[in-house]
Amino acid sequence: MCINKNEVGKLYITGYDARQISEILCVNVESVRKCIQRNYSHFRNRHQEALRERKDSIKAINYECNRFISDKSFVQKNRSIYKTKENGDIVLNEDLGYIFTADTPRRLNNEFKGCY
């Protein structure tokens, strides 16, 4: 399978790591790493800066989303889309076929593990 070096470069400079790029482009992660190493290692500073910006924006979005309703309250109000694991953790049931927004809590950990 051929890898598109230009797409890898664009995604790398915008702050995506090799694993994320491989998932987006549907190619082997080692191929992406080698492409970055050979062609785009001189953009490492730009990559690090863009990565920080992406993380900050995700953090700000999560903060805004959780200001109005906490993850625990959301899970309690929408129990039909979650399933409980054996260890007590509540996880999003993605087998239902629904489309979930990015701010939908994926997991609620059991607060009382080992307290029994």
Protein backbone atom coordinates (compact mmCIF):
# COMPACT_ATOMS: atom_id res chain seq x y z
CA MET A 1 0.00 0.00 0.00
CA CYS A 2 1.31 3.42 -0.94
CA ILE A 3 1.46 6.18 1.63
CA ASN A 4 0.68 9.78 0.72
CA LYS A 5 3.64 11.78 2.08
CA ASN A 6 1.89 15.12 1.62
CA GLU A 7 -1.09 14.05 3.75
CA VAL A 8 1.25 12.69 6.42
CA GLY A 9 3.12 16.00 6.45
CA LYS A 10 -0.05 18.08 6.74
CA LEU A 11 -1.39 15.99 9.61
CA TYR A 12 1.99 15.89 11.38
CA ILE A 13 2.37 19.66 11.22
CA THR A 14 -1.17 20.14 12.57
CA GLY A 15 -0.27 18.14 15.69
CA TYR A 16 -1.36 14.56 15.02
CA ASP A 17 0.99 11.77 16.11
CA ALA A 18 1.93 8.73 14.04
CA ARG A 19 -0.78 6.50 15.52
CA GLN A 20 -3.53 9.02 14.81
CA ILE A 21 -2.24 9.64 11.29
CA SER A 22 -2.18 5.90 10.59
CA GLU A 23 -5.80 5.59 11.72
CA ILE A 24 -6.90 8.54 9.57
CA LEU A 25 -5.07 7.36 6.44
CA CYS A 26 -5.65 3.61 7.08
CA VAL A 27 -1.97 2.70 6.77
CA ASN A 28 0.56 0.92 8.97
CA VAL A 29 1.73 3.00 11.94
CA GLU A 30 5.37 2.00 11.35
CA SER A 31 5.15 3.29 7.77
CA VAL A 32 3.92 6.64 9.07
CA ARG A 33 6.69 6.82 11.67
CA LYS A 34 9.33 6.09 9.04
CA CYS A 35 7.81 8.69 6.67
CA ILE A 36 7.89 11.32 9.42
CA GLN A 37 11.45 10.38 10.35
CA ARG A 38 12.68 10.60 6.76
CA ASN A 39 10.72 13.60 5.51
CA TYR A 40 9.37 15.74 8.35
CA SER A 41 11.68 15.50 11.35
CA HIS A 42 12.77 19.12 10.79
CA PHE A 43 9.15 20.19 11.55
CA ARG A 44 9.30 18.75 15.07
CA ASN A 45 8.99 22.16 16.79
CA ARG A 46 5.94 23.11 14.72
CA HIS A 47 4.44 19.69 15.48
CA GLN A 48 4.98 20.13 19.24
CA GLU A 49 3.43 23.61 19.18
CA ALA A 50 0.39 22.43 17.20
CA LEU A 51 0.02 19.44 19.54
CA ARG A 52 -0.05 21.75 22.57
CA GLU A 53 -2.66 23.94 20.87
CA ARG A 54 -4.85 20.91 20.03
CA LYS A 55 -4.63 19.62 23.61
CA ASP A 56 -5.48 23.05 25.01
CA SER A 57 -8.50 23.40 22.74
CA ILE A 58 -9.75 19.90 23.66
CA LYS A 59 -9.27 20.74 27.33
CA ALA A 60 -11.23 23.99 26.91
CA ILE A 61 -14.06 22.20 25.08
CA ASN A 62 -14.26 19.53 27.78
CA TYR A 63 -14.33 22.22 30.46
CA GLU A 64 -17.20 24.03 28.74
CA CYS A 65 -19.13 20.80 28.23
CA ASN A 66 -18.76 19.74 31.86
CA ARG A 67 -19.69 23.13 33.27
CA PHE A 68 -23.38 22.50 32.73
CA ILE A 69 -23.73 18.81 33.61
CA SER A 70 -21.17 16.47 35.10
CA ASP A 71 -20.30 13.11 33.57
CA LYS A 72 -21.89 11.31 36.49
CA SER A 73 -25.17 13.23 36.14
CA PHE A 74 -25.22 12.64 32.39
CA VAL A 75 -24.76 8.89 32.86
CA GLN A 76 -27.51 8.78 35.49
CA LYS A 77 -29.95 10.59 33.18
CA ASN A 78 -29.06 8.47 30.11
CA ARG A 79 -28.63 4.94 31.53
CA SER A 80 -30.08 3.28 28.40
CA ILE A 81 -26.96 3.99 26.34
CA TYR A 82 -24.55 2.56 28.93
CA LYS A 83 -23.68 -0.90 30.16
CA THR A 84 -22.13 -1.93 33.47
CA LYS A 85 -18.98 -4.04 33.45
CA GLU A 86 -18.20 -6.76 35.98
CA ASN A 87 -15.88 -4.47 37.97
CA GLY A 88 -18.63 -1.86 38.36
CA ASP A 89 -17.40 0.60 35.73
CA ILE A 90 -20.11 2.05 33.50
CA VAL A 91 -19.09 2.27 29.82
CA LEU A 92 -20.78 3.59 26.70
CA ASN A 93 -22.52 0.82 24.75
CA GLU A 94 -21.38 1.59 21.21
CA ASP A 95 -23.02 -1.60 19.88
CA LEU A 96 -26.40 0.16 19.88
CA GLY A 97 -25.71 1.78 16.52
CA TYR A 98 -26.22 5.37 17.68
CA ILE A 99 -23.98 8.26 16.76
CA PHE A 100 -22.49 9.84 19.88
CA THR A 101 -21.12 13.36 20.12
CA ALA A 102 -17.50 13.95 21.10
CA ASP A 103 -18.51 15.25 24.54
CA THR A 104 -20.53 12.16 25.49
CA PRO A 105 -18.80 10.51 28.47
CA ARG A 106 -17.31 7.17 27.37
CA ARG A 107 -16.64 5.73 30.85
CA LEU A 108 -17.59 6.33 34.46
CA ASN A 109 -15.24 4.53 36.83
CA ASN A 110 -16.54 2.76 39.91
CA GLU A 111 -15.71 4.95 42.92
CA PHE A 112 -16.03 2.08 45.39
CA LYS A 113 -13.64 -0.51 43.92
CA GLY A 114 -12.19 -2.70 46.63
CA CYS A 115 -14.40 -1.22 49.38
CA TYR A 116 -16.59 -4.31 49.76
